[in-house]
């Protein structure tokens, strides 16, 4: 126990650095995937059939393959196959590749949630808006969008919570997120080796962060109750 107490400051410092990397990947993914998912949803609902079929094919491929495989392909394919390493070296390059992978993956999942939310709004409301002289853009932003947000909050909340845990997959391309930091003390890091207890501390980080997100998303859902 005394040894663990002596090692605690070193471990916590390392885990904090890894958690910051996890937070960066989480927020960059959300910032990129929210708007891209909406664009993909519009593409899949497009009346232009080639665009609709192509978009649905991309969504099917992304949703049907593991995120880990997508990370490996996006990071290694340009350098090993095309002989054009586009990501550069070091931690910055690995983070960029991971961010692109996560944004692409989650935007496809978000697009299906958006599509379900938009198509779940009764068609009669759009027809009523047209009768009142509203344009299609006005109907979407003033009628459809607000109701869509209410409908997508629960499934979107689940995906956001899943994203927190999925960030740990980035260690497959050696991105030094929090799980990587905790596991490093098993192999030998900062003079500490054979220590498994730091991994249990990483779980506490995830539990606290997911708890905060659950409270915030639950509060948002209650705020939108006026659409019932």
Protein backbone atom coordinates (compact mmCIF):
# COMPACT_ATOMS: atom_id res chain seq x y z
CA UNK A 1 0.00 0.00 0.00
CA UNK A 2 2.83 2.41 0.79
CA UNK A 3 4.34 1.72 -2.61
CA UNK A 4 1.04 2.50 -4.33
CA UNK A 5 0.75 5.78 -2.41
CA UNK A 6 4.26 6.72 -3.53
CA UNK A 7 3.40 5.93 -7.15
CA UNK A 8 0.03 7.67 -7.07
CA UNK A 9 1.18 11.20 -8.11
CA UNK A 10 3.09 9.79 -11.10
CA UNK A 11 0.15 7.65 -12.20
CA UNK A 12 -2.47 10.39 -11.79
CA UNK A 13 -0.34 12.86 -13.76
CA UNK A 14 0.07 10.36 -16.61
CA UNK A 15 -3.64 9.46 -16.60
CA UNK A 16 -4.59 13.14 -16.67
CA UNK A 17 -2.46 13.65 -19.78
CA UNK A 18 -4.07 10.62 -21.41
CA UNK A 19 -7.55 11.77 -20.43
CA UNK A 20 -6.96 15.16 -22.03
CA UNK A 21 -6.18 13.32 -25.27
CA UNK A 22 -9.39 11.32 -24.83
CA UNK A 23 -11.40 14.52 -24.29
CA UNK A 24 -9.87 16.14 -27.37
CA UNK A 25 -10.79 13.15 -29.53
CA UNK A 26 -14.31 13.09 -28.05
CA UNK A 27 -15.07 16.77 -28.69
CA UNK A 28 -13.42 16.87 -32.13
CA UNK A 29 -15.54 13.87 -33.13
CA UNK A 30 -18.75 15.55 -31.99
CA UNK A 31 -17.89 18.86 -33.66
CA UNK A 32 -17.21 17.09 -36.94
CA UNK A 33 -19.85 14.35 -36.84
CA UNK A 34 -22.89 16.46 -35.93
CA UNK A 35 -22.95 18.59 -39.13
CA UNK A 36 -21.49 15.87 -41.39
CA UNK A 37 -24.12 13.41 -40.19
CA UNK A 38 -26.89 15.85 -41.16
CA UNK A 39 -25.35 16.29 -44.62
CA UNK A 40 -25.16 12.52 -45.06
CA UNK A 41 -28.78 12.20 -43.92
CA UNK A 42 -29.87 14.69 -46.58
CA UNK A 43 -27.85 12.72 -49.13
CA UNK A 44 -29.51 9.44 -48.22
CA UNK A 45 -32.96 11.08 -48.46
CA UNK A 46 -32.18 12.84 -51.72
CA UNK A 47 -34.56 12.34 -54.64
CA UNK A 48 -31.51 12.16 -56.89
CA UNK A 49 -31.18 8.37 -56.86
CA UNK A 50 -27.44 8.04 -57.69
CA UNK A 51 -26.59 10.30 -54.73
CA UNK A 52 -29.03 8.50 -52.46
CA UNK A 53 -27.72 5.03 -53.38
CA UNK A 54 -24.08 6.11 -53.07
CA UNK A 55 -24.67 7.69 -49.66
CA UNK A 56 -26.54 4.64 -48.38
CA UNK A 57 -23.71 2.40 -49.63
CA UNK A 58 -21.12 4.42 -47.69
CA UNK A 59 -23.28 4.34 -44.55
CA UNK A 60 -23.76 0.58 -44.93
CA UNK A 61 -20.01 -0.02 -45.25
CA UNK A 62 -19.09 2.19 -42.30
CA UNK A 63 -21.79 0.83 -40.01
CA UNK A 64 -21.13 -2.75 -41.09
CA UNK A 65 -17.40 -2.82 -40.34
CA UNK A 66 -15.61 -2.45 -36.97
CA UNK A 67 -14.29 0.98 -36.06
CA UNK A 68 -10.97 -0.65 -35.20
CA UNK A 69 -10.56 -1.86 -38.81
CA UNK A 70 -11.40 1.61 -40.09
CA UNK A 71 -8.76 3.13 -37.81
CA UNK A 72 -6.09 0.73 -39.06
CA UNK A 73 -6.98 1.24 -42.73
CA UNK A 74 -7.20 5.04 -42.54
CA UNK A 75 -3.92 5.31 -40.63
CA UNK A 76 -1.79 2.70 -42.41
CA UNK A 77 -3.24 2.47 -45.95
CA UNK A 78 -1.82 5.76 -47.33
CA UNK A 79 1.72 4.95 -46.22
CA UNK A 80 1.91 1.18 -46.74
CA UNK A 81 -0.09 0.89 -49.97
CA UNK A 82 0.01 4.29 -51.63
CA UNK A 83 3.48 5.13 -50.25
CA UNK A 84 2.19 8.59 -49.41
CA UNK A 85 2.07 9.03 -45.63
CA UNK A 86 -0.49 11.81 -45.35
CA UNK A 87 -0.76 11.88 -41.57
CA UNK A 88 2.80 12.82 -40.76
CA UNK A 89 4.65 11.39 -37.80
CA UNK A 90 4.31 11.54 -34.07
CA UNK A 91 1.35 11.93 -31.79
CA UNK A 92 -0.19 14.73 -33.89
CA UNK A 93 -0.36 12.52 -36.97
CA UNK A 94 -1.94 9.65 -35.04
CA UNK A 95 -4.48 12.00 -33.48
CA UNK A 96 -5.44 13.43 -36.88
CA UNK A 97 -5.94 9.95 -38.35
CA UNK A 98 -7.99 8.89 -35.33
CA UNK A 99 -10.12 12.04 -35.53
CA UNK A 100 -10.87 11.47 -39.23
CA UNK A 101 -11.82 7.85 -38.52
CA UNK A 102 -14.09 8.72 -35.62
CA UNK A 103 -15.79 11.61 -37.40
CA UNK A 104 -16.51 9.47 -40.47
CA UNK A 105 -17.77 6.56 -38.37
CA UNK A 106 -20.01 8.53 -36.04
CA UNK A 107 -21.36 10.82 -38.75
CA UNK A 108 -22.78 7.73 -40.47
CA UNK A 109 -24.46 6.59 -37.25
CA UNK A 110 -25.73 10.09 -36.56
CA UNK A 111 -27.09 10.33 -40.12
CA UNK A 112 -29.43 7.41 -39.50
CA UNK A 113 -30.65 9.03 -36.29
CA UNK A 114 -31.20 12.32 -38.13
CA UNK A 115 -33.03 10.56 -40.95
CA UNK A 116 -35.31 8.75 -38.53
CA UNK A 117 -36.03 11.99 -36.67
CA UNK A 118 -36.84 13.94 -39.83
CA UNK A 119 -39.02 11.23 -41.34
CA UNK A 120 -40.76 10.77 -37.99
CA UNK A 121 -42.29 14.25 -38.18
CA UNK A 122 -45.83 13.93 -39.63
CA UNK A 123 -46.02 14.88 -43.31
CA UNK A 124 -49.20 16.81 -42.58
CA UNK A 125 -47.21 19.48 -40.78
CA UNK A 126 -45.16 20.19 -43.89
CA UNK A 127 -48.33 20.35 -45.95
CA UNK A 128 -49.87 22.75 -43.43
CA UNK A 129 -46.78 24.96 -43.65
CA UNK A 130 -47.04 25.07 -47.43
CA UNK A 131 -50.70 26.05 -47.17
CA UNK A 132 -49.70 28.91 -44.85
CA UNK A 133 -47.26 30.14 -47.46
CA UNK A 134 -44.04 29.03 -45.79
CA UNK A 135 -41.07 28.01 -47.91
CA UNK A 136 -39.53 24.54 -47.55
CA UNK A 137 -36.52 26.05 -45.77
CA UNK A 138 -38.80 27.84 -43.30
CA UNK A 139 -40.76 24.65 -42.69
CA UNK A 140 -37.56 22.68 -42.03
CA UNK A 141 -35.96 25.16 -39.63
CA UNK A 142 -39.11 26.37 -37.83
CA UNK A 143 -41.21 23.19 -37.78
CA UNK A 144 -39.32 20.01 -38.64
CA UNK A 145 -35.94 20.75 -37.05
CA UNK A 146 -37.26 21.56 -33.57
CA UNK A 147 -39.40 18.43 -33.43
CA UNK A 148 -36.57 16.35 -34.88
CA UNK A 149 -34.26 17.48 -32.07
CA UNK A 150 -36.74 16.24 -29.48
CA UNK A 151 -37.00 12.85 -31.21
CA UNK A 152 -33.26 12.29 -31.66
CA UNK A 153 -32.03 13.26 -28.19
CA UNK A 154 -32.49 9.78 -26.58
CA UNK A 155 -30.77 7.76 -29.36
CA UNK A 156 -28.14 10.47 -29.83
CA UNK A 157 -27.42 10.36 -26.09
CA UNK A 158 -26.71 6.63 -26.35
CA UNK A 159 -24.29 7.19 -29.23
CA UNK A 160 -22.50 9.96 -27.33
CA UNK A 161 -22.04 7.73 -24.29
CA UNK A 162 -20.75 4.98 -26.58
CA UNK A 163 -18.32 7.44 -28.16
CA UNK A 164 -16.72 8.12 -24.77
CA UNK A 165 -15.86 4.43 -24.44
CA UNK A 166 -14.95 3.97 -28.12
CA UNK A 167 -12.18 6.56 -27.85
CA UNK A 168 -10.14 3.80 -26.16
CA UNK A 169 -9.93 2.04 -29.57
CA UNK A 170 -7.55 4.77 -30.73
CA UNK A 171 -4.75 3.01 -28.88
CA UNK A 172 -4.70 0.47 -31.75
CA UNK A 173 -2.72 3.05 -33.73
CA UNK A 174 -0.66 3.96 -30.65
CA UNK A 175 -2.55 7.15 -29.78
CA UNK A 176 -1.69 7.76 -26.15
CA UNK A 177 -5.17 8.15 -24.68
CA UNK A 178 -6.07 7.25 -21.11
CA UNK A 179 -6.20 3.43 -21.53
CA UNK A 180 -2.79 3.54 -23.20
CA UNK A 181 -1.48 5.58 -20.26
CA UNK A 182 -2.88 3.13 -17.71
CA UNK A 183 -1.67 0.05 -19.54
CA UNK A 184 1.83 1.51 -19.87
CA UNK A 185 2.43 0.94 -16.14
CA UNK A 186 2.04 -2.80 -16.70
CA UNK A 187 4.82 -2.81 -19.29
CA UNK A 188 7.08 -0.27 -17.60
CA UNK A 189 6.56 3.47 -17.54
CA UNK A 190 8.11 6.19 -15.38
CA UNK A 191 10.02 3.53 -13.49
CA UNK A 192 6.83 1.55 -12.68
CA UNK A 193 6.23 -1.91 -14.12
CA UNK A 194 3.87 -4.80 -13.42
CA UNK A 195 1.24 -2.47 -11.91
CA UNK A 196 -2.33 -3.24 -12.96
CA UNK A 197 -4.10 -0.95 -10.51
CA UNK A 198 -3.77 2.16 -12.76
CA UNK A 199 -6.16 0.45 -15.20
CA UNK A 200 -8.85 0.43 -12.52
CA UNK A 201 -8.35 4.17 -12.13
CA UNK A 202 -9.00 4.68 -15.85
CA UNK A 203 -12.44 3.12 -15.32
CA UNK A 204 -13.16 5.77 -12.68
CA UNK A 205 -12.36 8.51 -15.21
CA UNK A 206 -14.83 7.00 -17.67
CA UNK A 207 -17.53 6.52 -15.03
CA UNK A 208 -17.29 10.13 -13.85
CA UNK A 209 -17.28 11.57 -17.37
CA UNK A 210 -20.18 9.36 -18.48
CA UNK A 211 -22.06 10.29 -15.31
CA UNK A 212 -21.70 14.00 -16.06
CA UNK A 213 -22.81 13.48 -19.67
CA UNK A 214 -25.81 11.39 -18.57
CA UNK A 215 -26.97 14.17 -16.23
CA UNK A 216 -26.50 16.89 -18.87
CA UNK A 217 -28.24 14.92 -21.63
CA UNK A 218 -31.07 13.98 -19.28
CA UNK A 219 -31.51 17.66 -18.40
CA UNK A 220 -31.61 18.51 -22.12
CA UNK A 221 -34.27 15.87 -22.73
CA UNK A 222 -36.43 17.33 -19.96
CA UNK A 223 -36.01 20.83 -21.42
CA UNK A 224 -37.47 19.56 -24.69
CA UNK A 225 -40.57 18.06 -23.05
CA UNK A 226 -42.66 20.99 -24.26
CA UNK A 227 -42.79 19.32 -27.69
CA UNK A 228 -44.99 16.52 -26.29
